[in-house]
Structures are given as C-alpha cells and as structure tokens.
Amino acid sequence: MKMLLTVEFPLEPFNTFVRDGTIGPKIEQVLEAIKPEQAYFTEQDGARGAILLVEVGQASAVPKLAEPFFLVFQATCRFRIAMSAQDLQAANLEALGKQWGQIV
C-alpha cells in the first residue's frame, strides 16, 4: 500500500549536520535505505520537513521506514494512506453511499 511519510526535522541535530557538512551524505544514506518512490523536501509548520511516497506492504515495514529518521535526525514521522484515482474507484463509493447514506 502506498503511503505518504511526512517527516519533521527538529533544529538539532539537523543544524549541526548542516554546519559540519554531513547532512547530504546522511540524507542520501537514509533515502538509499528506504527507497521512496518520490521524495520532496519542504517546510512544515515553520521547520524543515520532507514528504516521501513509500510502499508499505505490511505494518512491520513501518519501523524500517521511520527508524532512520528517528535515530539519525530525531525527527517526527507520520504515515498517511495515499490512494490513486484507480484505488478510489475500486473502493466502490456508490455502494457504500447506498448502504450508509440513509443512516442518520
């Protein structure tokens, strides 16, 4: 299942890694290990952040994706399901609407 992994990096140790020139290799090593389909770096709530599209085959895959960010960067990670238009069509919303739409 595809999921969006959002990462929020605290100022430290990220600032230290920027200053000592090790941030690039550290990020590269994490990305090589988790192999996201896409990775975007951005601001989140006034802090450094990343949004990655990852494949999560089963719940036990979550630590492999999150622990590098926890341990290397002391970051916060959140996972959200990412559905394609085809996934949404397969959900059969029309049938769910008929089943549940009349209950108040």
C-alpha atoms as a PDB file:
ATOM      1  CA  MET A   1       0.000   0.000   0.000  1.00  0.00           C
ATOM      2  CA  LYS A   2       1.313   3.426  -0.881  1.00  0.00           C
ATOM      3  CA  MET A   3       1.661   5.867   1.966  1.00  0.00           C
ATOM      4  CA  LEU A   4       2.837   9.421   2.426  1.00  0.00           C
ATOM      5  CA  LEU A   5       5.570   9.593   5.018  1.00  0.00           C
ATOM      6  CA  THR A   6       5.850  13.120   6.363  1.00  0.00           C
ATOM      7  CA  VAL A   7       8.956  13.953   8.330  1.00  0.00           C
ATOM      8  CA  GLU A   8       9.528  16.977  10.564  1.00  0.00           C
ATOM      9  CA  PHE A   9      13.164  17.631  11.432  1.00  0.00           C
ATOM     10  CA  PRO A  10      13.964  19.449  14.682  1.00  0.00           C
ATOM     11  CA  LEU A  11      16.600  22.186  14.501  1.00  0.00           C
ATOM     12  CA  GLU A  12      19.084  19.928  16.252  1.00  0.00           C
ATOM     13  CA  PRO A  13      20.832  17.801  15.252  1.00  0.00           C
ATOM     14  CA  PHE A  14      19.977  18.970  11.692  1.00  0.00           C
ATOM     15  CA  ASN A  15      21.725  22.357  12.105  1.00  0.00           C
ATOM     16  CA  THR A  16      24.867  20.638  13.365  1.00  0.00           C
ATOM     17  CA  PHE A  17      24.877  18.305  10.354  1.00  0.00           C
ATOM     18  CA  VAL A  18      24.488  21.293   8.002  1.00  0.00           C
ATOM     19  CA  ARG A  19      27.359  23.132   9.693  1.00  0.00           C
ATOM     20  CA  ASP A  20      29.734  20.163   9.690  1.00  0.00           C
ATOM     21  CA  GLY A  21      28.910  19.222   6.083  1.00  0.00           C
ATOM     22  CA  THR A  22      27.480  15.776   6.818  1.00  0.00           C
ATOM     23  CA  ILE A  23      23.802  16.464   6.084  1.00  0.00           C
ATOM     24  CA  GLY A  24      23.961  15.471   2.408  1.00  0.00           C
ATOM     25  CA  PRO A  25      25.543  12.056   2.949  1.00  0.00           C
ATOM     26  CA  LYS A  26      23.219  11.328   5.886  1.00  0.00           C
ATOM     27  CA  ILE A  27      20.074  12.119   3.878  1.00  0.00           C
ATOM     28  CA  GLU A  28      21.416  10.175   0.897  1.00  0.00           C
ATOM     29  CA  GLN A  29      22.116   7.130   3.078  1.00  0.00           C
ATOM     30  CA  VAL A  30      18.593   7.186   4.545  1.00  0.00           C
ATOM     31  CA  LEU A  31      16.968   7.596   1.121  1.00  0.00           C
ATOM     32  CA  GLU A  32      19.029   4.721  -0.302  1.00  0.00           C
ATOM     33  CA  ALA A  33      17.901   2.518   2.586  1.00  0.00           C
ATOM     34  CA  ILE A  34      14.167   3.264   2.441  1.00  0.00           C
ATOM     35  CA  LYS A  35      13.903   3.717  -1.348  1.00  0.00           C
ATOM     36  CA  PRO A  36      10.945   6.108  -1.589  1.00  0.00           C
ATOM     37  CA  GLU A  37       9.166   6.381  -4.936  1.00  0.00           C
ATOM     38  CA  GLN A  38       9.322  10.165  -4.563  1.00  0.00           C
ATOM     39  CA  ALA A  39      10.950  12.468  -2.042  1.00  0.00           C
ATOM     40  CA  TYR A  40      10.290  16.179  -1.600  1.00  0.00           C
ATOM     41  CA  PHE A  41      11.885  18.449   0.980  1.00  0.00           C
ATOM     42  CA  THR A  42       9.835  21.355   2.223  1.00  0.00           C
ATOM     43  CA  GLU A  43       8.858  23.478   5.201  1.00  0.00           C
ATOM     44  CA  GLN A  44       6.351  22.057   7.682  1.00  0.00           C
ATOM     45  CA  ASP A  45       4.944  24.219  10.454  1.00  0.00           C
ATOM     46  CA  GLY A  46       7.955  26.503  10.287  1.00  0.00           C
ATOM     47  CA  ALA A  47      10.507  23.693  10.418  1.00  0.00           C
ATOM     48  CA  ARG A  48      12.415  21.622   7.891  1.00  0.00           C
ATOM     49  CA  GLY A  49      10.407  18.740   6.528  1.00  0.00           C
ATOM     50  CA  ALA A  50      10.079  16.053   3.915  1.00  0.00           C
ATOM     51  CA  ILE A  51       7.213  14.307   2.167  1.00  0.00           C
ATOM     52  CA  LEU A  52       8.009  10.879   0.775  1.00  0.00           C
ATOM     53  CA  LEU A  53       5.865   8.428  -1.167  1.00  0.00           C
ATOM     54  CA  VAL A  54       6.691   4.952   0.158  1.00  0.00           C
ATOM     55  CA  GLU A  55       5.406   1.418  -0.284  1.00  0.00           C
ATOM     56  CA  VAL A  56       4.230  -0.233   2.933  1.00  0.00           C
ATOM     57  CA  GLY A  57       3.479  -3.882   2.270  1.00  0.00           C
ATOM     58  CA  GLN A  58       2.647  -4.667   5.880  1.00  0.00           C
ATOM     59  CA  ALA A  59       2.660  -2.942   9.250  1.00  0.00           C
ATOM     60  CA  SER A  60       6.031  -4.443  10.153  1.00  0.00           C
ATOM     61  CA  ALA A  61       7.606  -2.342   7.359  1.00  0.00           C
ATOM     62  CA  VAL A  62       6.895   0.925   9.204  1.00  0.00           C
ATOM     63  CA  PRO A  63       9.918   0.783  11.542  1.00  0.00           C
ATOM     64  CA  LYS A  64      12.288   0.234   8.599  1.00  0.00           C
ATOM     65  CA  LEU A  65      10.968   3.464   7.087  1.00  0.00           C
ATOM     66  CA  ALA A  66      10.738   5.570  10.247  1.00  0.00           C
ATOM     67  CA  GLU A  67      13.671   4.484  12.417  1.00  0.00           C
ATOM     68  CA  PRO A  68      16.369   6.059  10.218  1.00  0.00           C
ATOM     69  CA  PHE A  69      14.663   9.442  10.667  1.00  0.00           C
ATOM     70  CA  PHE A  70      14.116   8.871  14.392  1.00  0.00           C
ATOM     71  CA  LEU A  71      17.649   7.712  15.129  1.00  0.00           C
ATOM     72  CA  VAL A  72      19.706   9.905  12.781  1.00  0.00           C
ATOM     73  CA  PHE A  73      17.709  13.147  12.912  1.00  0.00           C
ATOM     74  CA  GLN A  74      15.480  12.804  15.999  1.00  0.00           C
ATOM     75  CA  ALA A  75      12.635  13.574  13.599  1.00  0.00           C
ATOM     76  CA  THR A  76       8.890  13.120  13.884  1.00  0.00           C
ATOM     77  CA  CYS A  77       7.270  10.796  11.307  1.00  0.00           C
ATOM     78  CA  ARG A  78       3.648  10.419  10.254  1.00  0.00           C
ATOM     79  CA  PHE A  79       2.145   7.942   7.795  1.00  0.00           C
ATOM     80  CA  ARG A  80      -0.963   8.556   5.686  1.00  0.00           C
ATOM     81  CA  ILE A  81      -2.559   6.259   3.131  1.00  0.00           C
ATOM     82  CA  ALA A  82      -2.159   7.537  -0.434  1.00  0.00           C
ATOM     83  CA  MET A  83      -4.795   6.357  -2.908  1.00  0.00           C
ATOM     84  CA  SER A  84      -4.619   6.771  -6.655  1.00  0.00           C
ATOM     85  CA  ALA A  85      -7.746   7.564  -8.657  1.00  0.00           C
ATOM     86  CA  GLN A  86      -7.933   3.852  -9.537  1.00  0.00           C
ATOM     87  CA  ASP A  87      -7.738   2.924  -5.832  1.00  0.00           C
ATOM     88  CA  LEU A  88     -10.594   5.299  -5.071  1.00  0.00           C
ATOM     89  CA  GLN A  89     -12.705   3.813  -7.879  1.00  0.00           C
ATOM     90  CA  ALA A  90     -12.064   0.307  -6.512  1.00  0.00           C
ATOM     91  CA  ALA A  91     -13.483   1.429  -3.146  1.00  0.00           C
ATOM     92  CA  ASN A  92     -16.983   1.414  -4.716  1.00  0.00           C
ATOM     93  CA  LEU A  93     -18.152   4.597  -3.018  1.00  0.00           C
ATOM     94  CA  GLU A  94     -21.551   4.374  -4.736  1.00  0.00           C
ATOM     95  CA  ALA A  95     -22.371   1.105  -2.966  1.00  0.00           C
ATOM     96  CA  LEU A  96     -21.121   2.483   0.348  1.00  0.00           C
ATOM     97  CA  GLY A  97     -23.291   5.565  -0.152  1.00  0.00           C
ATOM     98  CA  LYS A  98     -26.358   3.368  -0.704  1.00  0.00           C
ATOM     99  CA  GLN A  99     -25.510   1.256   2.330  1.00  0.00           C
ATOM    100  CA  TRP A 100     -24.652   4.039   4.764  1.00  0.00           C
ATOM    101  CA  GLY A 101     -26.034   7.254   3.272  1.00  0.00           C
ATOM    102  CA  GLN A 102     -29.526   6.894   4.693  1.00  0.00           C
ATOM    103  CA  ILE A 103     -28.481   6.335   8.307  1.00  0.00           C
ATOM    104  CA  VAL A 104     -28.760   9.456  10.444  1.00  0.00           C
END
